[in-house]
Amino acid sequence: MREFAYQRATQVHEALTAVAGNAGARYLGGGTNLVDLMKCGVEEPTRLVDVRRLPLDGVHDAPDGGLVIGATTTNSDAAAHPEVRRRFPALAQAVLAGASGQLRNMATVGGNLLQRTRCGYFTDLCSPCNKRIPGSGCAAIEGIHHNHAVLGHSAHCVATHPSDLAVALCAFDAVVRYETLDGTGEIPLEQFYLPVGDRPDRETALPPGALITAVALPASARIPRSRYRKVRERASYAFATVSVAAALDVRDGVVRDVRIALGGVASHPWRARAAEAVLRDARPTAGLFRAAAEAELSAAKPLRDNGYKVALARNLVEAVLGGLAATEGNR
């Protein structure tokens, strides 16, 4: 590990000033991803600015009736908060499906959104990787890629995004709030992650030096019945092979509102807009759920060894929607 400077910030402006103009500076939250990347040489920061003690934690009511989750709130605290569990149950389920209890106690909400891919070639300094070294190539395309992307990838990168939390936030129209030395701003989560294109090393739309301060969940996205389901290679501490966050509002036998996002299938949480369009204002049936899933996955472009993900995603969407439709009080 290379030497680096360490600074503990107590105010947002102090943190922003410490990072400004320093391309080698990084914000440090729980460190559950960044420190690992430092150990294997993928990240080599010259300065770490610890933001854990900034006054940015907690879950608060928003004026519109939604919720605001502070960026330094731990994943454990976010999942356990009674209002998160009551208003956005799929969000709490998504957090609890990720990592282990010990990691959730350390990891922060803001840091979770910024975690890097777990593609093995990304962390292997001996392999070409366009995320790590732009223009070096993507070893996964012809290599081991059974758990890589089937949607939205490019000839330059086929990695997936590992966050469970981000998938649920995407389904609920979450907005990422941030601050820079020039002021505050916000980005809808659906636009937060950049398309892969030919520069997969550019991952988010955050301005240089920006610090995530909170994530806002609008009241308009709240649907009483929601669920997060995750398929993984083992029952504990594994990233999603495919995951689904969904909310379904059925009244008088008709789908009035629906929200679906997929995880484990793309470089970012994948909002299933095509599936939602098929479902809205229609009568919920097993056939409709299958048609919705197939409409979304018609754009899939599986690689040599991961075509199974398309069928898995289709079946998971059907199962989650069917379960929500059958839930008492949502008929």
Protein backbone atom coordinates (compact mmCIF):
# COMPACT_ATOMS: atom_id res chain seq x y z
CA MET A 1 0.00 0.00 0.00
CA ARG A 2 1.31 3.41 -0.89
CA GLU A 3 1.48 6.27 1.58
CA PHE A 4 -1.44 8.68 1.66
CA ALA A 5 -2.59 11.63 3.74
CA TYR A 6 -5.59 11.23 6.02
CA GLN A 7 -7.96 13.97 7.12
CA ARG A 8 -11.12 13.72 9.20
CA ALA A 9 -13.66 16.36 8.18
CA THR A 10 -16.28 17.67 10.59
CA GLN A 11 -18.06 20.06 8.21
CA VAL A 12 -19.14 19.62 4.59
CA HIS A 13 -17.23 22.70 3.41
CA GLU A 14 -14.08 21.39 5.05
CA ALA A 15 -14.42 18.10 3.17
CA LEU A 16 -15.08 19.81 -0.14
CA THR A 17 -12.09 22.11 0.29
CA ALA A 18 -9.81 19.19 1.13
CA VAL A 19 -10.71 17.40 -2.10
CA ALA A 20 -10.94 20.41 -4.44
CA GLY A 21 -8.31 20.43 -7.15
CA ASN A 22 -6.73 17.19 -5.96
CA ALA A 23 -7.31 14.40 -8.48
CA GLY A 24 -5.81 11.89 -6.05
CA ALA A 25 -8.16 12.69 -3.16
CA ARG A 26 -11.05 10.40 -2.23
CA TYR A 27 -13.89 10.66 0.25
CA LEU A 28 -13.88 7.86 2.80
CA GLY A 29 -17.19 6.64 4.23
CA GLY A 30 -17.31 3.14 5.62
CA GLY A 31 -14.38 2.09 3.42
CA THR A 32 -15.90 -1.31 2.69
CA ASN A 33 -15.08 -1.03 -1.02
CA LEU A 34 -12.47 1.71 -1.29
CA VAL A 35 -10.06 0.15 1.21
CA ASP A 36 -10.28 -3.22 -0.57
CA LEU A 37 -9.42 -1.52 -3.86
CA MET A 38 -6.48 0.22 -2.22
CA LYS A 39 -5.17 -3.09 -0.96
CA CYS A 40 -5.16 -4.64 -4.42
CA GLY A 41 -3.74 -1.55 -6.10
CA VAL A 42 -6.77 -0.51 -8.17
CA GLU A 43 -7.15 2.70 -6.14
CA GLU A 44 -4.07 4.67 -5.12
CA PRO A 45 -5.35 7.85 -3.47
CA THR A 46 -2.92 10.48 -2.27
CA ARG A 47 -5.40 11.77 0.33
CA LEU A 48 -8.38 10.25 2.13
CA VAL A 49 -10.96 12.64 3.53
CA ASP A 50 -13.03 10.86 6.17
CA VAL A 51 -16.65 12.07 6.00
CA ARG A 52 -18.20 9.70 8.55
CA ARG A 53 -18.50 12.42 11.19
CA LEU A 54 -20.23 14.94 8.94
CA PRO A 55 -23.76 15.86 10.07
CA LEU A 56 -25.32 13.93 7.19
CA ASP A 57 -26.79 10.86 8.88
CA GLY A 58 -30.33 9.88 9.74
CA VAL A 59 -33.68 9.41 8.02
CA HIS A 60 -36.01 12.40 7.93
CA ASP A 61 -39.47 13.27 6.61
CA ALA A 62 -39.54 15.36 3.46
CA PRO A 63 -42.05 18.21 3.02
CA ASP A 64 -43.85 16.26 0.26
CA GLY A 65 -44.37 13.26 2.55
CA GLY A 66 -41.41 11.33 1.23
CA LEU A 67 -38.18 10.46 3.02
CA VAL A 68 -34.66 11.84 2.96
CA ILE A 69 -31.83 9.47 3.90
CA GLY A 70 -28.56 11.13 4.84
CA ALA A 71 -25.47 10.03 2.93
CA THR A 72 -23.53 8.91 6.02
CA THR A 73 -26.42 6.83 7.36
CA THR A 74 -25.23 3.25 7.64
CA ASN A 75 -26.96 0.62 5.58
CA SER A 76 -28.02 -1.12 8.78
CA ASP A 77 -29.67 2.02 10.17
CA ALA A 78 -31.43 2.73 6.88
CA ALA A 79 -32.84 -0.80 6.68
CA ALA A 80 -33.97 -0.79 10.32
CA HIS A 81 -35.70 2.60 10.24
CA PRO A 82 -39.43 2.08 10.82
CA GLU A 83 -40.51 4.61 8.19
CA VAL A 84 -38.29 3.06 5.53
CA ARG A 85 -39.76 -0.34 6.34
CA ARG A 86 -43.32 1.01 6.35
CA ARG A 87 -43.28 3.30 3.30
CA PHE A 88 -40.70 1.58 1.07
CA PRO A 89 -40.42 -2.05 2.23
CA ALA A 90 -38.53 -3.15 -0.89
CA LEU A 91 -35.79 -0.69 0.00
CA ALA A 92 -35.27 -2.21 3.44
CA GLN A 93 -35.34 -5.70 1.92
CA ALA A 94 -32.73 -4.69 -0.68
CA VAL A 95 -30.33 -3.37 1.93
CA LEU A 96 -30.68 -6.50 4.05
CA ALA A 97 -30.02 -8.67 0.99
CA GLY A 98 -26.61 -7.07 0.52
CA ALA A 99 -23.31 -8.04 2.13
CA SER A 100 -23.14 -9.16 5.77
CA GLY A 101 -24.33 -7.61 9.02
CA GLN A 102 -20.83 -6.43 9.85
CA LEU A 103 -20.39 -4.74 6.47
CA ARG A 104 -23.83 -3.13 6.64
CA ASN A 105 -22.89 -1.67 10.01
CA MET A 106 -19.94 0.11 8.38
CA ALA A 107 -21.15 0.86 4.84
CA THR A 108 -22.86 4.19 4.18
CA VAL A 109 -25.74 4.97 1.86
CA GLY A 110 -23.69 7.47 -0.15
CA GLY A 111 -20.76 5.12 -0.43
CA ASN A 112 -22.99 2.25 -1.49
CA LEU A 113 -24.05 4.16 -4.60
CA LEU A 114 -20.42 4.79 -5.55
CA GLN A 115 -19.08 1.26 -5.11
CA ARG A 116 -17.21 -0.17 -8.07
CA THR A 117 -17.94 -3.28 -10.07
CA ARG A 118 -16.89 -6.66 -8.70
CA CYS A 119 -15.75 -7.92 -12.11
CA GLY A 120 -12.68 -10.05 -11.47
CA TYR A 121 -10.77 -8.46 -14.33
CA PHE A 122 -11.28 -5.00 -12.82
CA THR A 123 -9.36 -6.01 -9.69
CA ASP A 124 -6.73 -8.06 -11.56
CA LEU A 125 -3.94 -5.65 -12.39
CA CYS A 126 -2.54 -8.13 -14.91
CA SER A 127 -5.69 -8.10 -17.06
CA PRO A 128 -6.88 -5.42 -19.48
CA CYS A 129 -9.87 -3.45 -18.19
CA ASN A 130 -11.31 -0.28 -19.68
CA LYS A 131 -12.79 0.74 -16.33
CA ARG A 132 -9.36 0.65 -14.72
CA ILE A 133 -7.22 1.73 -17.69
CA PRO A 134 -9.24 3.34 -20.51
CA GLY A 135 -8.35 1.91 -23.89
CA SER A 136 -6.71 -1.25 -22.54
CA GLY A 137 -9.59 -3.53 -23.55
CA CYS A 138 -12.18 -5.70 -21.81
CA ALA A 139 -10.95 -9.17 -20.90
CA ALA A 140 -14.40 -10.30 -19.78
CA ILE A 141 -15.92 -10.23 -23.26
CA GLU A 142 -13.97 -13.30 -24.33
CA GLY A 143 -13.16 -14.47 -20.81
CA ILE A 144 -15.18 -15.44 -17.75
CA HIS A 145 -18.45 -13.53 -17.98
CA HIS A 146 -21.24 -15.83 -16.79
CA ASN A 147 -22.32 -13.19 -14.24
CA HIS A 148 -21.90 -10.14 -16.43
CA ALA A 149 -24.31 -7.78 -18.19
CA VAL A 150 -27.02 -8.70 -20.69
CA LEU A 151 -28.49 -5.20 -21.01
CA GLY A 152 -26.93 -1.84 -21.84
CA HIS A 153 -23.36 -3.06 -22.23
CA SER A 154 -20.94 -2.10 -24.98
CA ALA A 155 -17.92 -3.47 -26.78
CA HIS A 156 -15.81 -1.67 -24.17
CA CYS A 157 -17.29 -3.10 -20.95
CA VAL A 158 -19.72 -5.81 -19.86
CA ALA A 159 -19.43 -5.39 -16.07
CA THR A 160 -22.45 -5.09 -13.78
CA HIS A 161 -23.13 -2.73 -10.90
CA PRO A 162 -23.11 -4.54 -7.53
CA SER A 163 -25.46 -2.42 -5.41
CA ASP A 164 -28.75 -3.86 -4.12
CA LEU A 165 -29.75 -0.55 -2.53
CA ALA A 166 -29.42 1.33 -5.82
CA VAL A 167 -31.83 -1.05 -7.56
CA ALA A 168 -34.61 -0.31 -5.08
CA LEU A 169 -33.84 3.41 -5.10
CA CYS A 170 -34.12 3.39 -8.89
CA ALA A 171 -37.56 1.79 -8.73
CA PHE A 172 -38.75 4.49 -6.31
CA ASP A 173 -37.56 7.48 -8.38
CA ALA A 174 -34.93 8.42 -5.81
CA VAL A 175 -32.95 11.63 -6.26
CA VAL A 176 -29.29 11.93 -5.27
CA ARG A 177 -28.44 15.22 -3.58
CA TYR A 178 -24.88 16.52 -3.61
CA GLU A 179 -22.82 19.56 -2.76
CA THR A 180 -19.79 21.21 -4.37
CA LEU A 181 -17.91 24.40 -3.57
CA ASP A 182 -20.17 26.06 -6.16
CA GLY A 183 -23.37 25.06 -4.37
CA THR A 184 -25.86 22.22 -4.15
CA GLY A 185 -27.42 20.06 -6.82
CA GLU A 186 -29.38 16.89 -7.39
CA ILE A 187 -29.56 14.10 -9.97
CA PRO A 188 -32.38 11.56 -10.41
CA LEU A 189 -30.89 8.16 -9.67
CA GLU A 190 -32.01 6.88 -13.05
CA GLN A 191 -29.66 9.46 -14.60
CA PHE A 192 -26.95 9.20 -11.95
CA TYR A 193 -25.03 6.38 -13.65
CA LEU A 194 -23.62 7.12 -17.09
CA PRO A 195 -24.09 4.80 -20.08
CA VAL A 196 -21.10 2.52 -20.63
CA GLY A 197 -20.28 3.77 -24.13
CA ASP A 198 -16.59 3.92 -24.96
CA ARG A 199 -15.53 5.32 -21.56
CA PRO A 200 -16.68 2.89 -18.88
CA ASP A 201 -14.24 4.50 -16.44
CA ARG A 202 -16.66 7.45 -16.26
CA GLU A 203 -19.34 5.99 -14.05
CA THR A 204 -21.50 8.77 -12.59
CA ALA A 205 -22.80 12.21 -13.49
CA LEU A 206 -21.43 13.77 -10.29
CA PRO A 207 -19.37 16.93 -10.89
CA PRO A 208 -15.68 16.71 -9.94
CA GLY A 209 -15.18 16.93 -6.19
CA ALA A 210 -18.89 16.61 -5.42
CA LEU A 211 -19.95 15.05 -2.13
CA ILE A 212 -23.20 13.11 -1.92
CA THR A 213 -25.20 14.54 1.00
CA ALA A 214 -28.50 12.64 0.85
CA VAL A 215 -30.88 10.50 -1.14
CA ALA A 216 -34.50 11.67 -1.40
CA LEU A 217 -37.46 9.35 -1.94
CA PRO A 218 -40.52 11.24 -3.23
CA ALA A 219 -43.95 10.55 -1.77
CA SER A 220 -45.31 10.15 -5.31
CA ALA A 221 -43.28 6.94 -5.69
CA ARG A 222 -44.74 5.29 -2.62
CA ILE A 223 -46.81 2.16 -3.27
CA PRO A 224 -47.87 0.22 -0.15
CA ARG A 225 -46.90 -3.18 -1.59
CA SER A 226 -43.33 -3.58 -2.77
CA ARG A 227 -40.78 -6.35 -2.76
CA TYR A 228 -37.11 -7.01 -3.49
CA ARG A 229 -35.95 -10.45 -4.55
CA LYS A 230 -32.41 -11.46 -5.28
CA VAL A 231 -31.01 -14.57 -6.93
CA ARG A 232 -27.38 -15.24 -6.06
CA GLU A 233 -24.91 -18.09 -6.19
CA ARG A 234 -25.08 -18.69 -2.45
CA ALA A 235 -27.57 -17.69 0.22
CA SER A 236 -25.31 -15.28 2.08
CA TYR A 237 -22.86 -12.54 1.22
CA ALA A 238 -23.00 -12.75 -2.56
CA PHE A 239 -23.72 -10.18 -5.23
CA ALA A 240 -26.84 -10.53 -7.34
CA THR A 241 -26.93 -12.78 -10.35
CA VAL A 242 -30.28 -11.11 -11.05
CA SER A 243 -32.44 -9.05 -8.71
CA VAL A 244 -35.81 -7.32 -8.98
CA ALA A 245 -37.28 -4.43 -7.03
CA ALA A 246 -40.97 -4.01 -7.77
CA ALA A 247 -44.03 -2.21 -6.46
CA LEU A 248 -47.54 -2.90 -7.72
CA ASP A 249 -50.76 -1.00 -7.07
CA VAL A 250 -53.87 -2.89 -8.18
CA ARG A 251 -57.26 -1.33 -7.60
CA ASP A 252 -60.62 -2.48 -8.96
CA GLY A 253 -58.83 -5.25 -10.81
CA VAL A 254 -56.58 -2.90 -12.80
CA VAL A 255 -52.91 -2.00 -12.44
CA ARG A 256 -52.97 1.66 -11.45
CA ASP A 257 -49.25 2.06 -10.85
CA VAL A 258 -46.19 -0.15 -11.13
CA ARG A 259 -42.47 0.28 -10.62
CA ILE A 260 -39.80 -2.24 -11.59
CA ALA A 261 -36.00 -2.11 -11.56
CA LEU A 262 -33.53 -4.90 -12.28
CA GLY A 263 -30.12 -5.53 -10.76
CA GLY A 264 -27.24 -7.74 -11.83
CA VAL A 265 -28.03 -7.31 -15.53
CA ALA A 266 -26.36 -4.03 -16.50
CA SER A 267 -23.66 -1.54 -15.55
CA HIS A 268 -26.28 0.34 -13.53
CA PRO A 269 -29.68 -0.35 -11.97
CA TRP A 270 -31.99 -1.02 -14.91
CA ARG A 271 -35.39 0.68 -14.74
CA ALA A 272 -37.85 -1.56 -16.57
CA ARG A 273 -39.84 1.14 -18.34
CA ALA A 274 -40.99 -1.10 -21.19
CA ALA A 275 -42.39 -3.63 -18.72
CA GLU A 276 -44.14 -0.91 -16.75
CA ALA A 277 -45.80 0.42 -19.91
CA VAL A 278 -47.23 -3.03 -20.69
CA LEU A 279 -48.64 -3.41 -17.18
CA ARG A 280 -50.13 -0.01 -16.51
CA ASP A 281 -53.94 0.21 -16.85
CA ALA A 282 -54.22 -3.51 -17.63
CA ARG A 283 -55.69 -6.41 -15.69
CA PRO A 284 -53.00 -8.32 -13.78
CA THR A 285 -52.67 -11.87 -15.05
CA ALA A 286 -49.81 -14.33 -15.31
CA GLY A 287 -49.84 -13.85 -19.06
CA LEU A 288 -49.57 -10.09 -18.68
CA PHE A 289 -46.64 -10.41 -16.29
CA ARG A 290 -44.81 -12.64 -18.75
CA ALA A 291 -45.52 -10.26 -21.63
CA ALA A 292 -44.20 -7.35 -19.57
CA ALA A 293 -41.00 -9.18 -18.69
CA GLU A 294 -40.46 -10.25 -22.30
CA ALA A 295 -41.02 -6.70 -23.53
CA GLU A 296 -38.26 -5.45 -21.24
CA LEU A 297 -35.83 -8.24 -21.99
CA SER A 298 -36.31 -8.11 -25.76
CA ALA A 299 -33.39 -5.66 -25.78
CA ALA A 300 -31.07 -8.13 -24.03
CA LYS A 301 -27.81 -9.04 -25.74
CA PRO A 302 -26.36 -11.94 -23.79
CA LEU A 303 -22.74 -12.94 -24.12
CA ARG A 304 -21.42 -16.41 -24.89
CA ASP A 305 -21.99 -17.83 -21.40
CA ASN A 306 -24.65 -15.71 -19.69
CA GLY A 307 -27.79 -16.19 -21.77
CA TYR A 308 -29.35 -17.95 -18.77
CA LYS A 309 -29.70 -14.53 -17.14
CA VAL A 310 -32.41 -13.51 -19.61
CA ALA A 311 -34.67 -16.43 -18.66
CA LEU A 312 -33.81 -15.97 -14.99
CA ALA A 313 -34.73 -12.29 -15.07
CA ARG A 314 -37.98 -13.03 -16.89
CA ASN A 315 -38.99 -15.68 -14.38
CA LEU A 316 -38.03 -13.50 -11.42
CA VAL A 317 -40.07 -10.54 -12.69
CA GLU A 318 -43.06 -12.82 -13.18
CA ALA A 319 -42.72 -14.33 -9.72
CA VAL A 320 -42.36 -11.00 -7.93
CA LEU A 321 -45.28 -9.40 -9.75
CA GLY A 322 -47.43 -12.47 -9.21
CA GLY A 323 -46.67 -12.43 -5.51
CA LEU A 324 -47.50 -8.74 -5.19
CA ALA A 325 -50.77 -9.15 -7.11
CA ALA A 326 -51.81 -11.99 -4.83
CA THR A 327 -51.03 -10.10 -1.63
CA GLU A 328 -54.09 -9.51 0.48
CA GLY A 329 -55.37 -5.97 0.11
CA ASN A 330 -53.78 -5.48 -3.30
CA ARG A 331 -56.45 -7.05 -5.51
